[in-house]
N, C-alpha and C. Protein backbone atom coordinates (compact mmCIF):
# COMPACT_ATOMS: atom_id res chain seq x y z
N MET A 1 107.01 -67.58 -179.72
CA MET A 1 108.65 -67.19 -181.03
C MET A 1 108.64 -65.75 -181.07
N CYS A 2 110.23 -65.05 -181.17
CA CYS A 2 110.91 -63.85 -180.67
C CYS A 2 111.51 -63.64 -181.85
N ILE A 3 111.15 -62.10 -182.35
CA ILE A 3 111.83 -61.52 -183.78
C ILE A 3 112.90 -61.45 -182.95
N SER A 4 113.67 -60.86 -182.95
CA SER A 4 115.12 -59.84 -182.73
C SER A 4 115.13 -58.91 -183.91
N PHE A 5 115.25 -57.99 -183.62
CA PHE A 5 114.98 -56.80 -184.16
C PHE A 5 116.53 -55.44 -184.37
N PRO A 6 117.38 -55.19 -185.34
CA PRO A 6 118.48 -54.25 -185.95
C PRO A 6 118.14 -52.39 -185.10
N GLY A 7 118.60 -52.32 -184.70
CA GLY A 7 118.87 -51.29 -183.86
C GLY A 7 120.06 -50.56 -183.13
N GLN A 8 120.58 -48.91 -183.67
CA GLN A 8 121.28 -48.33 -183.13
C GLN A 8 121.07 -47.75 -181.58
N VAL A 9 122.13 -47.94 -181.04
CA VAL A 9 122.42 -47.40 -179.84
C VAL A 9 122.43 -45.51 -179.37
N VAL A 10 121.39 -45.01 -179.12
CA VAL A 10 121.24 -44.40 -178.31
C VAL A 10 121.59 -43.83 -177.28
N GLY A 11 121.47 -44.56 -176.00
CA GLY A 11 122.24 -44.22 -174.78
C GLY A 11 122.31 -45.03 -174.10
N VAL A 12 122.92 -45.23 -173.44
CA VAL A 12 123.31 -45.72 -172.19
C VAL A 12 123.80 -45.95 -171.03
N ASP A 13 123.47 -47.25 -169.82
CA ASP A 13 123.67 -46.26 -168.58
C ASP A 13 124.28 -48.19 -168.26
N ALA A 14 124.14 -47.96 -167.16
CA ALA A 14 124.95 -48.96 -166.22
C ALA A 14 124.35 -50.53 -166.32
N SER A 15 123.04 -50.78 -166.66
CA SER A 15 122.63 -52.30 -166.94
C SER A 15 121.61 -52.32 -168.10
N SER A 16 121.60 -51.29 -168.97
CA SER A 16 121.03 -51.17 -170.31
C SER A 16 121.15 -50.54 -171.22
N ALA A 17 120.73 -49.84 -171.84
CA ALA A 17 120.91 -49.06 -173.28
C ALA A 17 119.53 -48.80 -173.72
N VAL A 18 119.24 -47.88 -174.65
CA VAL A 18 118.38 -46.91 -175.35
C VAL A 18 118.68 -47.74 -176.73
N VAL A 19 117.65 -48.35 -177.31
CA VAL A 19 118.28 -48.31 -178.91
C VAL A 19 116.87 -48.21 -179.67
N ASP A 20 117.61 -47.43 -180.88
CA ASP A 20 116.64 -47.13 -181.72
C ASP A 20 116.57 -47.49 -183.40
N SER A 21 115.26 -47.99 -183.05
CA SER A 21 114.89 -48.25 -184.85
C SER A 21 113.21 -47.73 -185.03
N ASP A 22 113.81 -48.13 -186.46
CA ASP A 22 112.90 -46.99 -187.47
C ASP A 22 112.07 -45.87 -186.71
N GLY A 23 113.22 -44.99 -185.47
CA GLY A 23 112.35 -43.87 -185.46
C GLY A 23 111.73 -44.32 -183.23
N ARG A 24 111.27 -45.68 -183.64
CA ARG A 24 111.10 -46.03 -182.05
C ARG A 24 112.20 -46.90 -181.59
N ARG A 25 112.20 -46.14 -179.75
CA ARG A 25 113.12 -46.01 -178.97
C ARG A 25 112.85 -46.51 -178.19
N ARG A 26 113.43 -48.37 -177.85
CA ARG A 26 113.06 -49.56 -176.66
C ARG A 26 114.43 -49.29 -176.01
N ARG A 27 114.44 -49.79 -174.68
CA ARG A 27 115.18 -49.87 -173.83
C ARG A 27 115.90 -51.62 -173.48
N ALA A 28 116.69 -51.91 -173.46
CA ALA A 28 117.12 -52.76 -174.01
C ALA A 28 118.46 -53.12 -172.83
N SER A 29 118.28 -54.44 -172.05
CA SER A 29 119.46 -55.12 -171.27
C SER A 29 121.51 -55.10 -171.78
N THR A 30 121.53 -54.91 -170.93
CA THR A 30 123.75 -54.77 -171.37
C THR A 30 124.23 -56.58 -170.96
N LEU A 31 123.16 -56.76 -170.71
CA LEU A 31 123.86 -57.99 -169.71
C LEU A 31 124.80 -59.46 -170.17
N LEU A 32 124.76 -59.38 -171.93
CA LEU A 32 125.53 -60.54 -172.33
C LEU A 32 126.09 -58.60 -173.00
N TYR A 33 126.67 -57.77 -173.38
CA TYR A 33 127.48 -56.92 -174.51
C TYR A 33 127.40 -55.74 -173.54
N PRO A 34 127.74 -55.69 -171.91
CA PRO A 34 127.80 -54.67 -171.27
C PRO A 34 128.90 -53.78 -172.36
N ASP A 35 129.67 -53.43 -172.62
CA ASP A 35 130.61 -52.78 -173.75
C ASP A 35 129.81 -52.19 -174.94
N VAL A 36 128.38 -51.76 -174.54
CA VAL A 36 127.67 -51.24 -176.21
C VAL A 36 128.27 -50.01 -176.06
N ALA A 37 128.62 -49.24 -176.84
CA ALA A 37 128.53 -47.66 -177.11
C ALA A 37 127.33 -47.09 -177.88
N VAL A 38 127.61 -45.84 -177.80
CA VAL A 38 126.36 -45.22 -178.60
C VAL A 38 127.07 -45.16 -179.89
N GLY A 39 125.77 -45.79 -180.83
CA GLY A 39 126.89 -45.57 -182.27
C GLY A 39 126.53 -46.73 -182.95
N ASP A 40 127.07 -47.48 -181.71
CA ASP A 40 126.87 -49.07 -181.72
C ASP A 40 125.25 -50.22 -182.78
N TRP A 41 125.41 -50.42 -183.45
CA TRP A 41 124.30 -50.95 -184.18
C TRP A 41 124.38 -52.57 -182.72
N VAL A 42 122.76 -53.15 -183.40
CA VAL A 42 122.66 -54.11 -182.71
C VAL A 42 121.49 -54.85 -183.10
N ALA A 43 121.64 -56.33 -182.59
CA ALA A 43 120.51 -56.87 -182.15
C ALA A 43 119.87 -57.42 -181.21
N VAL A 44 118.20 -56.92 -180.53
CA VAL A 44 117.64 -57.08 -179.69
C VAL A 44 116.52 -57.78 -180.04
N ALA A 45 116.62 -58.98 -179.05
CA ALA A 45 115.55 -59.53 -178.99
C ALA A 45 114.92 -59.47 -177.44
N ALA A 46 114.00 -60.05 -177.00
CA ALA A 46 113.28 -60.13 -175.58
C ALA A 46 113.92 -59.54 -174.80
N GLY A 47 113.92 -57.94 -175.69
CA GLY A 47 114.14 -56.49 -174.17
C GLY A 47 115.86 -56.64 -173.82
N THR A 48 116.71 -57.78 -174.62
CA THR A 48 118.32 -58.15 -174.24
C THR A 48 119.08 -57.66 -175.54
N ILE A 49 119.61 -57.26 -175.38
CA ILE A 49 120.69 -57.18 -176.63
C ILE A 49 121.45 -58.56 -177.12
N VAL A 50 121.26 -59.29 -178.35
CA VAL A 50 121.89 -60.18 -178.07
C VAL A 50 122.98 -60.58 -179.72
N ASP A 51 123.09 -59.63 -180.20
CA ASP A 51 124.37 -59.61 -180.63
C ASP A 51 124.87 -57.91 -181.32
N ARG A 52 125.67 -57.99 -182.20
CA ARG A 52 127.34 -56.55 -182.76
C ARG A 52 126.50 -56.65 -184.01
N LEU A 53 126.30 -55.64 -184.81
CA LEU A 53 126.34 -55.87 -185.58
C LEU A 53 127.33 -54.68 -186.61
N SER A 54 127.21 -55.53 -188.07
CA SER A 54 127.77 -53.55 -188.33
C SER A 54 126.92 -53.09 -188.72
N ALA A 55 126.90 -51.59 -189.65
CA ALA A 55 126.34 -51.04 -189.90
C ALA A 55 124.84 -52.19 -191.37
N THR A 56 126.48 -52.23 -191.94
CA THR A 56 125.68 -52.86 -193.67
C THR A 56 124.82 -54.10 -192.70
N GLU A 57 125.21 -54.83 -192.01
CA GLU A 57 124.15 -56.26 -191.16
C GLU A 57 122.84 -55.77 -190.67
N ALA A 58 122.98 -54.68 -190.34
CA ALA A 58 121.78 -54.06 -189.71
C ALA A 58 121.11 -53.44 -191.03
N ALA A 59 121.02 -52.83 -191.38
CA ALA A 59 120.87 -52.03 -192.69
C ALA A 59 119.80 -53.27 -193.70
N GLU A 60 121.00 -54.45 -194.13
CA GLU A 60 120.25 -55.25 -194.61
C GLU A 60 119.09 -56.30 -193.80
N LEU A 61 119.86 -56.47 -192.35
CA LEU A 61 117.99 -56.35 -191.69
C LEU A 61 116.63 -56.01 -192.00
N LEU A 62 117.35 -54.73 -191.95
CA LEU A 62 115.91 -53.81 -192.20
C LEU A 62 115.73 -53.89 -193.23
N GLU A 63 116.22 -53.86 -194.24
CA GLU A 63 115.31 -53.98 -195.83
C GLU A 63 114.86 -55.69 -195.66
N LEU A 64 115.09 -56.61 -194.93
CA LEU A 64 113.99 -58.11 -195.23
C LEU A 64 113.14 -57.72 -194.29
N LEU A 65 113.28 -56.63 -193.22
CA LEU A 65 112.16 -56.47 -192.74
C LEU A 65 111.19 -56.11 -193.07
N ASP A 66 111.73 -55.15 -193.99
CA ASP A 66 110.73 -54.44 -194.39
C ASP A 66 109.88 -54.49 -196.00
N GLN A 67 110.46 -55.33 -196.22
CA GLN A 67 110.03 -56.12 -197.41
C GLN A 67 109.30 -57.85 -197.16
N ALA A 68 109.38 -58.06 -195.25
CA ALA A 68 108.25 -59.08 -194.68
C ALA A 68 106.82 -58.21 -194.47
N ARG A 69 107.02 -56.67 -194.17
CA ARG A 69 105.89 -56.40 -194.15
C ARG A 69 104.89 -56.11 -194.93
N GLU A 70 105.80 -56.02 -196.50
CA GLU A 70 104.92 -55.44 -197.81
C GLU A 70 104.00 -56.90 -197.92
N PRO A 71 102.57 -56.14 -198.06
CA PRO A 71 101.71 -57.76 -198.66
C PRO A 71 102.56 -58.53 -200.52
N ASP A 72 102.96 -59.77 -200.47
CA ASP A 72 103.00 -60.27 -201.77
C ASP A 72 101.75 -60.07 -202.55
N PRO A 73 101.69 -58.83 -203.73
CA PRO A 73 100.09 -58.94 -204.48
C PRO A 73 99.94 -60.11 -205.01
N ALA A 74 100.46 -61.39 -205.25
CA ALA A 74 100.75 -63.09 -206.11
C ALA A 74 99.90 -63.54 -205.09
N ALA A 75 100.24 -63.97 -203.80
CA ALA A 75 99.51 -64.17 -202.50
C ALA A 75 98.28 -64.11 -202.52
N PRO A 76 97.63 -65.52 -201.91
CA PRO A 76 95.85 -65.51 -202.28
C PRO A 76 95.78 -64.99 -200.89
N ARG A 77 94.56 -63.90 -201.41
CA ARG A 77 93.87 -63.61 -199.39
C ARG A 77 93.19 -64.31 -199.20
N ILE A 78 92.79 -64.81 -198.11
CA ILE A 78 92.83 -65.67 -197.17
C ILE A 78 91.05 -64.84 -196.11
N VAL A 79 89.91 -64.91 -196.50
CA VAL A 79 88.82 -64.46 -195.72
C VAL A 79 88.60 -65.49 -195.04
N ARG A 80 88.03 -64.58 -194.15
CA ARG A 80 87.37 -65.96 -192.65
C ARG A 80 85.85 -65.43 -192.65
N GLN A 81 85.09 -66.32 -192.51
CA GLN A 81 83.57 -65.58 -192.04
C GLN A 81 83.42 -66.27 -191.32
N VAL A 82 83.05 -65.13 -189.79
CA VAL A 82 82.76 -66.13 -188.98
C VAL A 82 81.49 -65.99 -188.55
N ALA A 83 80.60 -66.66 -188.20
CA ALA A 83 78.83 -66.73 -187.57
C ALA A 83 78.90 -66.19 -186.81
N VAL A 84 78.13 -66.01 -186.11
CA VAL A 84 77.67 -65.05 -184.49
C VAL A 84 76.32 -65.37 -184.65
N PRO A 85 76.34 -66.40 -183.50
CA PRO A 85 75.07 -67.03 -183.13
C PRO A 85 74.14 -66.50 -182.54
N THR A 86 72.64 -66.64 -182.35
CA THR A 86 72.14 -65.09 -181.45
C THR A 86 70.74 -66.25 -181.37
N SER A 87 70.76 -65.67 -179.68
CA SER A 87 69.78 -66.54 -178.85
C SER A 87 68.53 -66.44 -178.35
N ALA A 88 67.13 -66.92 -178.82
CA ALA A 88 66.12 -66.71 -178.94
C ALA A 88 65.84 -65.43 -178.12
N ASN A 89 66.09 -65.12 -176.99
CA ASN A 89 65.79 -63.69 -176.30
C ASN A 89 67.31 -62.58 -176.47
N ASP A 90 66.91 -62.43 -177.91
CA ASP A 90 68.44 -61.16 -178.04
C ASP A 90 67.71 -60.58 -178.13
N PRO A 91 67.88 -58.96 -177.28
CA PRO A 91 67.22 -57.82 -177.75
C PRO A 91 66.94 -57.02 -179.36
N ALA A 92 68.00 -57.54 -179.99
CA ALA A 92 68.02 -57.44 -181.06
C ALA A 92 67.67 -57.31 -181.79
N GLU A 93 66.78 -58.70 -181.46
CA GLU A 93 65.98 -59.74 -181.98
C GLU A 93 63.75 -59.35 -182.03
N GLY A 94 63.84 -57.70 -181.00
CA GLY A 94 62.54 -57.76 -180.61
C GLY A 94 62.28 -58.34 -179.40
N GLU A 95 62.55 -59.14 -178.39
CA GLU A 95 62.52 -59.90 -177.85
C GLU A 95 63.53 -59.49 -176.56
N PRO A 96 62.32 -58.93 -174.71
CA PRO A 96 63.62 -58.17 -174.01
C PRO A 96 64.56 -59.81 -173.87
N ASP A 97 65.59 -59.31 -173.16
CA ASP A 97 66.71 -59.78 -172.60
C ASP A 97 66.26 -60.51 -171.28
N VAL A 98 65.56 -61.11 -170.50
CA VAL A 98 65.37 -61.27 -169.66
C VAL A 98 65.09 -63.12 -169.36
N HIS A 99 65.83 -62.88 -167.73
CA HIS A 99 65.99 -64.74 -167.46
C HIS A 99 64.53 -64.82 -167.06
N ARG A 100 64.48 -65.84 -167.25
CA ARG A 100 63.36 -66.81 -166.51
C ARG A 100 62.89 -68.58 -165.65
N ASN A 101 62.49 -67.87 -164.20
CA ASN A 101 63.07 -69.30 -163.73
C ASN A 101 61.59 -70.15 -163.59
């Protein structure tokens, strides 16, 4: 599954753009939107600009992503316990780790 993220175009060349999202800059293909310009708000998915956004749409998406990152204090916590098997000749158990034929 691929999640798109909103960002603002900060640079453009012949085939790609540099998109800033939360201070992180990524290169994205302009194949679907070859006319993007510096300052445009866009949605990027799988390394490609897939939509042009208004500043309001971008702000709403950024807010939703911020909310998704924050844990819900009312949600139950899942705790997983992992059992690690030990072998009979585990060096931690005092026995040498030697293969015998």
